[in-house]
Amino acid sequence: MAQTNVTTLDSAIQTKFIKDVLDGVKGEIAFPRFASTISMEKGGGDTVRWNRIRRVPRQTSFNLSENSSTTTPKALTTDKIEASIGYVGDSLSGTTASKFVSILQDSAYKEAVKDQIIRTFEYLGLKQISLYSMHHRVDNDSTYEVNADATSAGATTTAISTDLTQSDHHWGTSAAAHGYIVQTNPEAPNYGMAGLVTEFAASTDTCTVATWPQVNTTDSNFHLVRGTALAATDDISVAALARVAGAHTKFQSKRFKGGILRGFITPEQEADLVQDSTYTNIRQYVEGLKELGRYRVVRIHGIELIVVPDGYREDVDGTENASGVVFNTPIFGKDTYNITKWNNGSDEFGVKFDFVGKQADSGNYWRLNWWINWHAMCAIATLDACGIVNLMTGATAMPMTL
């Protein structure tokens, strides 16, 4: 459908519309509040790279001699994380008959556009950090959650360990039916980087994974998880959240102001949590935020859980499914994910608008239609997968659904 750029709408009115929408987005959206952000300048391409210094091994003995110059210096080695900027947006159309006042004078249209933008980026953000993080099952099932030490360097597309004694395909069979892997040794290559396990060959103890930036070494350690056998009855619990908090302490995650972690849960999970007898016993002593933007906040074990209407869900094989049994609950520390926008737009995602008026063209002969188009060019990247513990739970179905 051909669209003619608007020439009849006053630019000041367009500016007011954009400001009202983006001000609302900034005030109500939660996900970008906890991200680090950067902008890509013109001429900078569409790929951003973060170079991170690998942790330096500690000394375990008194080893200096009088002639300390003979000590071999340790290299400050860097690993790289890369993300490519992608495009997201939509075109929203209305008709004159839908409302006999100017579209730009009716706050309901602004609310509709704002709501779509918020829900779009909340979902895309939750999906990104859910996929590329350290996963933990709420049922603590050791059949589908293990730690393993690398026993062979392999390649940038494999993780090899004789600790993995499971049968073929146990950790994944394809990109659509996968498990999760994260590197957990801070002194080894690829630390804090996560990916999908798309195949497991028992004969060679080899997981096929998304490409690592570096080749693993025999110092590398892996944490593997799969959602197999999780059920709706495996709901969120105070005990599981305590393990998550402990993992963050183990991996020395940076905390937000006040020493807290943050995470996202759904209303279904909140309903299960507040019925946990352990939570109800300590609830009277817990103080925290009551709301953030348009969301409620539940606080437990130094974690502020933001209740969003739609989380990222999967089937037990890892397939994305809005009705899937596996609820992903990313709980994270500071500086664990980044939003990069191409240098346009005024919000964190670089959202821009285009207004198309009611001029007659090949798709709008009678001038009864108008369009609002929005788009953004941005990237969302996990910077420290060990600083995002993604608790995988089931949840009790709500009696009312949208």
Protein backbone atom coordinates (compact mmCIF):
# COMPACT_ATOMS: atom_id res chain seq x y z
CA MET A 1 0.00 0.00 0.00
CA ALA A 2 1.51 3.31 -1.04
CA GLN A 3 1.72 5.94 1.68
CA THR A 4 2.19 9.66 1.19
CA ASN A 5 4.15 11.53 3.84
CA VAL A 6 1.94 13.91 5.74
CA THR A 7 2.13 17.58 4.93
CA THR A 8 -1.06 18.84 6.56
CA LEU A 9 -0.26 18.04 10.22
CA ASP A 10 1.50 20.82 12.05
CA SER A 11 5.02 19.83 13.13
CA ALA A 12 4.42 21.18 16.62
CA ILE A 13 1.46 18.83 17.02
CA GLN A 14 3.58 15.89 15.85
CA THR A 15 6.32 16.88 18.31
CA LYS A 16 3.80 17.04 21.15
CA PHE A 17 2.46 13.60 20.27
CA ILE A 18 5.96 12.08 20.22
CA LYS A 19 6.91 13.73 23.50
CA ASP A 20 3.76 12.56 25.27
CA VAL A 21 4.24 8.97 24.08
CA LEU A 22 7.95 8.71 24.84
CA ASP A 23 7.58 10.44 28.20
CA GLY A 24 4.98 7.83 29.06
CA VAL A 25 7.23 5.01 27.89
CA LYS A 26 10.17 6.27 29.96
CA GLY A 27 8.01 6.70 33.04
CA GLU A 28 6.41 3.28 32.94
CA ILE A 29 8.75 0.77 31.27
CA ALA A 30 10.96 -1.19 33.68
CA PHE A 31 13.47 -3.17 31.59
CA PRO A 32 15.76 -0.32 30.39
CA ARG A 33 16.02 1.21 33.87
CA PHE A 34 18.49 -1.45 34.93
CA ALA A 35 20.55 -1.64 31.72
CA SER A 36 23.77 0.07 30.81
CA THR A 37 23.24 2.05 27.60
CA ILE A 38 25.36 3.35 24.75
CA SER A 39 24.70 4.90 21.34
CA MET A 40 26.24 4.00 17.99
CA GLU A 41 27.30 7.11 16.12
CA LYS A 42 26.91 7.64 12.39
CA GLY A 43 29.67 5.83 10.54
CA GLY A 44 30.14 3.41 13.43
CA GLY A 45 28.53 0.47 11.66
CA ASP A 46 25.85 -1.77 13.09
CA THR A 47 27.91 -4.00 15.40
CA VAL A 48 29.00 -3.09 18.91
CA ARG A 49 31.77 -4.89 20.81
CA TRP A 50 32.52 -5.03 24.52
CA ASN A 51 36.04 -6.12 25.52
CA ARG A 52 36.17 -7.58 29.01
CA ILE A 53 39.34 -8.43 30.94
CA ARG A 54 39.39 -12.01 32.13
CA ARG A 55 39.83 -12.48 35.86
CA VAL A 56 43.48 -12.73 36.89
CA PRO A 57 44.29 -15.96 38.81
CA ARG A 58 45.06 -15.37 42.47
CA GLN A 59 48.40 -16.24 44.00
CA THR A 60 48.29 -19.28 46.29
CA SER A 61 51.75 -19.10 47.85
CA PHE A 62 54.63 -16.80 48.72
CA ASN A 63 56.61 -17.07 45.52
CA LEU A 64 58.73 -13.94 45.13
CA SER A 65 62.49 -14.25 45.17
CA GLU A 66 65.02 -11.53 45.88
CA ASN A 67 65.32 -11.09 42.14
CA SER A 68 61.62 -10.61 41.46
CA SER A 69 62.31 -9.65 37.84
CA THR A 70 62.40 -13.36 37.02
CA THR A 71 58.67 -13.65 37.75
CA THR A 72 56.73 -14.15 34.51
CA PRO A 73 54.07 -11.45 34.14
CA LYS A 74 50.51 -12.64 33.82
CA ALA A 75 48.71 -11.50 30.70
CA LEU A 76 45.66 -9.29 31.05
CA THR A 77 43.58 -11.23 28.51
CA THR A 78 40.32 -9.92 27.11
CA ASP A 79 37.23 -11.70 25.85
CA LYS A 80 34.85 -9.98 23.46
CA ILE A 81 31.07 -9.78 23.37
CA GLU A 82 29.42 -8.57 20.19
CA ALA A 83 25.87 -7.61 19.25
CA SER A 84 24.39 -6.40 15.98
CA ILE A 85 21.77 -3.69 15.87
CA GLY A 86 18.41 -4.91 14.58
CA TYR A 87 15.15 -3.27 13.56
CA VAL A 88 11.79 -3.39 15.27
CA GLY A 89 8.63 -1.37 14.76
CA ASP A 90 5.05 -1.36 13.58
CA SER A 91 2.50 0.56 11.55
CA LEU A 92 -0.81 1.41 13.19
CA SER A 93 -3.77 2.45 11.08
CA GLY A 94 -7.06 4.09 11.93
CA THR A 95 -10.02 5.56 10.10
CA THR A 96 -11.82 8.86 10.33
CA ALA A 97 -14.97 6.99 11.26
CA SER A 98 -13.33 5.54 14.38
CA LYS A 99 -13.30 8.93 16.06
CA PHE A 100 -14.62 12.21 14.72
CA VAL A 101 -11.85 14.25 16.30
CA SER A 102 -8.24 14.68 15.28
CA ILE A 103 -6.15 11.64 16.11
CA LEU A 104 -3.47 13.87 17.63
CA GLN A 105 -5.92 15.45 20.05
CA ASP A 106 -7.17 12.20 21.53
CA SER A 107 -5.09 10.80 24.40
CA ALA A 108 -6.52 7.32 23.85
CA TYR A 109 -4.44 6.93 20.68
CA LYS A 110 -1.32 8.04 22.49
CA GLU A 111 -2.02 5.49 25.22
CA ALA A 112 -2.49 2.71 22.66
CA VAL A 113 0.82 3.47 20.91
CA LYS A 114 2.68 3.87 24.21
CA ASP A 115 1.30 0.58 25.52
CA GLN A 116 2.40 -1.31 22.41
CA ILE A 117 5.93 0.10 22.57
CA ILE A 118 6.29 -0.75 26.27
CA ARG A 119 5.03 -4.32 25.87
CA THR A 120 7.18 -4.86 22.78
CA PHE A 121 10.44 -3.86 24.43
CA GLU A 122 9.65 -5.47 27.77
CA TYR A 123 9.14 -8.76 25.95
CA LEU A 124 12.16 -8.47 23.66
CA GLY A 125 14.35 -7.56 26.61
CA LEU A 126 13.11 -10.39 28.81
CA LYS A 127 13.55 -12.84 25.96
CA GLN A 128 17.15 -11.78 25.37
CA ILE A 129 18.31 -12.05 28.96
CA SER A 130 16.28 -15.22 29.51
CA LEU A 131 17.99 -17.00 26.63
CA TYR A 132 21.51 -15.84 27.45
CA SER A 133 21.88 -16.31 31.18
CA MET A 134 22.62 -18.92 33.82
CA HIS A 135 19.55 -21.11 34.19
CA HIS A 136 18.40 -22.82 37.36
CA ARG A 137 15.45 -25.16 37.80
CA VAL A 138 13.08 -24.48 40.66
CA ASP A 139 12.86 -28.23 41.36
CA ASN A 140 16.67 -28.50 41.63
CA ASP A 141 16.54 -31.68 39.50
CA SER A 142 20.08 -33.01 39.05
CA THR A 143 19.02 -35.08 36.04
CA TYR A 144 18.53 -31.97 33.94
CA GLU A 145 20.88 -29.54 35.68
CA VAL A 146 24.58 -30.32 36.06
CA ASN A 147 28.03 -28.80 36.31
CA ALA A 148 30.87 -30.15 34.19
CA ASP A 149 34.58 -29.51 33.72
CA ALA A 150 36.00 -29.26 30.21
CA THR A 151 38.25 -32.23 29.46
CA SER A 152 39.16 -31.15 25.94
CA ALA A 153 39.57 -27.74 24.36
CA GLY A 154 37.27 -28.55 21.47
CA ALA A 155 36.39 -25.66 19.16
CA THR A 156 34.46 -22.40 19.33
CA THR A 157 31.26 -24.34 18.58
CA THR A 158 31.62 -27.15 21.14
CA ALA A 159 31.83 -27.90 24.83
CA ILE A 160 33.43 -31.26 25.67
CA SER A 161 33.45 -32.98 29.05
CA THR A 162 33.65 -36.60 30.18
CA ASP A 163 31.54 -35.52 33.15
CA LEU A 164 28.59 -35.59 30.75
CA THR A 165 27.49 -39.21 30.86
CA GLN A 166 23.95 -38.76 29.58
CA SER A 167 22.52 -40.39 26.46
CA ASP A 168 22.47 -38.86 22.97
CA HIS A 169 20.37 -35.68 22.61
CA HIS A 170 19.95 -35.34 26.38
CA TRP A 171 20.96 -31.67 26.34
CA GLY A 172 19.37 -30.74 23.03
CA THR A 173 18.57 -31.81 19.51
CA SER A 174 18.24 -28.52 17.59
CA ALA A 175 17.97 -24.77 17.95
CA ALA A 176 14.23 -25.28 18.47
CA ALA A 177 14.67 -28.01 21.10
CA HIS A 178 17.62 -26.98 23.20
CA GLY A 179 19.17 -26.80 26.60
CA TYR A 180 21.25 -23.96 28.04
CA ILE A 181 24.95 -23.72 28.79
CA VAL A 182 26.99 -21.03 30.52
CA GLN A 183 30.74 -20.79 31.18
CA THR A 184 31.41 -20.46 34.91
CA ASN A 185 35.18 -20.28 35.47
CA PRO A 186 36.13 -16.59 35.70
CA GLU A 187 39.76 -17.40 34.96
CA ALA A 188 39.00 -19.29 31.73
CA PRO A 189 37.99 -18.10 28.24
CA ASN A 190 34.35 -17.19 27.59
CA TYR A 191 33.51 -16.69 31.26
CA GLY A 192 29.99 -15.37 31.79
CA MET A 193 28.88 -16.20 28.26
CA ALA A 194 25.83 -18.36 27.64
CA GLY A 195 24.24 -20.06 24.68
CA LEU A 196 21.93 -22.79 23.44
CA VAL A 197 22.90 -26.47 23.30
CA THR A 198 21.64 -27.69 19.92
CA GLU A 199 23.01 -31.25 20.05
CA PHE A 200 24.68 -33.68 22.44
CA ALA A 201 26.70 -36.68 21.26
CA ALA A 202 27.29 -39.23 24.01
CA SER A 203 30.04 -41.02 22.08
CA THR A 204 32.30 -37.96 22.21
CA ASP A 205 30.84 -36.22 25.29
CA THR A 206 30.28 -33.19 23.06
CA CYS A 207 27.69 -30.45 23.18
CA THR A 208 27.22 -28.42 20.02
CA VAL A 209 26.65 -24.79 20.93
CA ALA A 210 26.41 -21.35 19.44
CA THR A 211 29.83 -19.96 18.59
CA TRP A 212 32.00 -18.92 21.53
CA PRO A 213 34.26 -15.90 21.02
CA GLN A 214 37.28 -17.96 22.16
CA VAL A 215 38.26 -21.61 22.11
CA ASN A 216 37.66 -23.26 25.48
CA THR A 217 40.54 -24.64 27.52
CA THR A 218 40.68 -27.49 29.99
CA ASP A 219 40.24 -24.83 32.69
CA SER A 220 36.75 -24.10 31.40
CA ASN A 221 33.72 -25.08 33.45
CA PHE A 222 30.13 -25.41 32.23
CA HIS A 223 26.69 -25.25 33.78
CA LEU A 224 24.01 -27.04 31.75
CA VAL A 225 20.23 -26.98 32.21
CA ARG A 226 17.22 -28.25 30.33
CA GLY A 227 13.54 -27.69 31.06
CA THR A 228 12.51 -31.33 30.54
CA ALA A 229 9.87 -32.57 32.98
CA LEU A 230 9.13 -29.18 34.52
CA ALA A 231 5.41 -28.96 35.29
CA ALA A 232 2.90 -26.35 36.33
CA THR A 233 3.14 -27.72 39.89
CA ASP A 234 6.84 -26.76 40.04
CA ASP A 235 5.99 -23.27 41.16
CA ILE A 236 8.23 -20.51 42.48
CA SER A 237 9.38 -20.82 46.08
CA VAL A 238 11.29 -18.96 48.77
CA ALA A 239 13.77 -21.85 48.90
CA ALA A 240 14.58 -21.51 45.18
CA LEU A 241 14.98 -17.74 45.50
CA ALA A 242 17.41 -18.34 48.37
CA ARG A 243 19.52 -20.52 46.05
CA VAL A 244 19.43 -17.79 43.40
CA ALA A 245 20.62 -15.20 45.92
CA GLY A 246 23.39 -17.59 46.98
CA ALA A 247 24.50 -18.07 43.37
CA HIS A 248 24.80 -14.31 42.96
CA THR A 249 26.97 -14.15 46.06
CA LYS A 250 29.13 -17.00 44.76
CA PHE A 251 29.67 -15.26 41.43
CA GLN A 252 30.15 -11.87 43.10
CA SER A 253 27.44 -10.17 41.07
CA LYS A 254 27.42 -6.40 41.30
CA ARG A 255 24.44 -5.24 43.34
CA PHE A 256 22.21 -2.26 42.82
CA LYS A 257 22.11 0.56 45.36
CA GLY A 258 21.17 -0.83 48.74
CA GLY A 259 22.76 -4.20 47.96
CA ILE A 260 19.74 -5.54 46.11
CA LEU A 261 19.21 -7.69 43.03
CA ARG A 262 16.29 -7.29 40.67
CA GLY A 263 14.18 -9.65 38.60
CA PHE A 264 10.95 -10.08 36.64
CA ILE A 265 8.06 -12.40 37.46
CA THR A 266 4.53 -12.80 36.11
CA PRO A 267 1.25 -12.44 38.02
CA GLU A 268 0.89 -16.24 37.99
CA GLN A 269 4.24 -16.60 39.76
CA GLU A 270 3.46 -13.82 42.22
CA ALA A 271 0.21 -15.56 43.14
CA ASP A 272 2.14 -18.78 43.84
CA LEU A 273 4.86 -16.99 45.83
CA VAL A 274 2.52 -15.16 48.19
CA GLN A 275 0.89 -18.50 49.03
CA ASP A 276 4.24 -20.02 50.05
CA SER A 277 3.95 -20.36 53.83
CA THR A 278 7.59 -19.37 54.28
CA TYR A 279 6.97 -16.13 52.41
CA THR A 280 3.82 -15.30 54.35
CA ASN A 281 5.70 -15.84 57.61
CA ILE A 282 8.38 -13.29 56.77
CA ARG A 283 6.27 -10.94 54.66
CA GLN A 284 5.41 -8.70 57.61
CA TYR A 285 9.10 -7.90 58.07
CA VAL A 286 9.83 -7.15 54.41
CA GLU A 287 9.95 -3.55 53.27
CA GLY A 288 10.49 -2.50 49.68
CA LEU A 289 9.06 -0.66 46.72
CA LYS A 290 5.33 -0.93 46.28
CA GLU A 291 5.38 -0.15 42.58
CA LEU A 292 7.77 0.71 39.75
CA GLY A 293 6.24 2.54 36.82
CA ARG A 294 3.03 0.65 36.27
CA TYR A 295 4.26 -2.56 37.92
CA ARG A 296 4.06 -4.01 41.42
CA VAL A 297 7.25 -4.99 43.24
CA VAL A 298 7.67 -7.94 45.61
CA ARG A 299 10.80 -8.07 47.78
CA ILE A 300 12.39 -11.22 49.22
CA HIS A 301 15.97 -12.28 50.09
CA GLY A 302 17.34 -8.93 48.94
CA ILE A 303 15.66 -9.36 45.54
CA GLU A 304 13.09 -6.94 44.16
CA LEU A 305 10.80 -8.90 41.83
CA ILE A 306 8.94 -6.71 39.36
CA VAL A 307 5.58 -8.17 38.38
CA VAL A 308 5.10 -7.77 34.62
CA PRO A 309 1.93 -8.96 32.85
CA ASP A 310 3.73 -11.05 30.23
CA GLY A 311 7.01 -12.86 30.83
CA TYR A 312 9.05 -15.04 28.49
CA ARG A 313 7.75 -18.61 28.43
CA GLU A 314 8.80 -21.86 26.76
CA ASP A 315 7.81 -25.45 26.30
CA VAL A 316 9.93 -27.97 28.21
CA ASP A 317 12.18 -28.48 25.15
CA GLY A 318 13.05 -24.78 24.99
CA THR A 319 10.63 -23.82 22.21
CA GLU A 320 9.31 -20.27 22.62
CA ASN A 321 5.61 -20.44 23.49
CA ALA A 322 3.47 -17.72 25.07
CA SER A 323 1.45 -20.51 26.72
CA GLY A 324 4.42 -22.71 27.59
CA VAL A 325 4.71 -24.41 30.96
CA VAL A 326 8.20 -23.04 31.68
CA PHE A 327 8.20 -19.50 33.09
CA ASN A 328 11.58 -17.76 32.83
CA THR A 329 12.44 -15.52 35.76
CA PRO A 330 15.69 -13.60 35.16
CA ILE A 331 17.14 -12.25 38.42
CA PHE A 332 20.11 -10.01 37.83
CA GLY A 333 22.72 -7.69 39.25
CA LYS A 334 24.06 -4.40 38.01
CA ASP A 335 25.83 -4.03 34.64
CA THR A 336 24.64 -7.41 33.37
CA TYR A 337 22.90 -6.33 30.16
CA ASN A 338 23.12 -3.48 27.71
CA ILE A 339 20.86 -1.59 25.33
CA THR A 340 22.61 -0.08 22.33
CA LYS A 341 20.73 2.22 19.99
CA TRP A 342 21.77 3.66 16.68
CA ASN A 343 22.11 7.35 17.42
CA ASN A 344 18.54 8.49 16.78
CA GLY A 345 15.37 8.83 18.79
CA SER A 346 15.24 10.25 22.29
CA ASP A 347 14.59 7.14 24.39
CA GLU A 348 16.87 4.21 25.28
CA PHE A 349 15.81 2.23 22.20
CA GLY A 350 16.02 5.03 19.64
CA VAL A 351 12.30 5.05 18.78
CA LYS A 352 11.29 7.31 15.90
CA PHE A 353 7.84 8.13 14.50
CA ASP A 354 6.41 8.85 11.09
CA PHE A 355 2.92 10.29 10.64
CA VAL A 356 1.04 9.55 7.45
CA GLY A 357 -1.99 11.73 6.87
CA LYS A 358 -5.18 11.40 4.91
CA GLN A 359 -4.04 12.46 1.45
CA ALA A 360 -5.55 10.48 -1.38
CA ASP A 361 -3.24 7.83 -2.83
CA SER A 362 -3.53 4.35 -4.26
CA GLY A 363 -4.50 2.88 -0.88
CA ASN A 364 -6.58 5.74 0.51
CA TYR A 365 -8.72 7.22 -2.26
CA TRP A 366 -11.36 8.65 0.05
CA ARG A 367 -8.97 10.14 2.62
CA LEU A 368 -10.58 8.15 5.40
CA ASN A 369 -7.40 6.47 6.71
CA TRP A 370 -4.32 7.62 8.62
CA TRP A 371 -1.22 5.88 9.96
CA ILE A 372 1.24 6.17 12.80
CA ASN A 373 4.50 4.36 12.09
CA TRP A 374 7.20 3.79 14.71
CA HIS A 375 10.49 2.00 14.49
CA ALA A 376 13.74 1.58 16.42
CA MET A 377 17.23 0.41 15.57
CA CYS A 378 18.81 -1.13 18.63
CA ALA A 379 20.46 -4.18 20.20
CA ILE A 380 19.93 -5.85 23.58
CA ALA A 381 22.92 -7.88 24.77
CA THR A 382 23.80 -9.92 27.85
CA LEU A 383 27.14 -8.74 29.21
CA ASP A 384 27.48 -11.14 32.16
CA ALA A 385 25.44 -14.34 31.98
CA CYS A 386 26.60 -15.44 35.44
CA GLY A 387 25.17 -12.21 36.83
CA ILE A 388 21.71 -13.15 35.52
CA VAL A 389 20.29 -16.27 37.17
CA ASN A 390 17.21 -17.32 35.26
CA LEU A 391 14.93 -19.30 37.55
CA MET A 392 12.82 -21.75 35.51
CA THR A 393 9.47 -22.47 37.15
CA GLY A 394 6.00 -23.70 36.42
CA ALA A 395 3.01 -21.73 37.64
CA THR A 396 -0.58 -22.30 38.66
CA ALA A 397 -2.92 -21.24 35.87
CA MET A 398 -4.87 -18.05 36.51
CA PRO A 399 -8.68 -18.48 36.45
CA MET A 400 -8.93 -15.45 34.17
CA THR A 401 -6.65 -14.88 31.19
CA LEU A 402 -6.41 -12.22 28.51
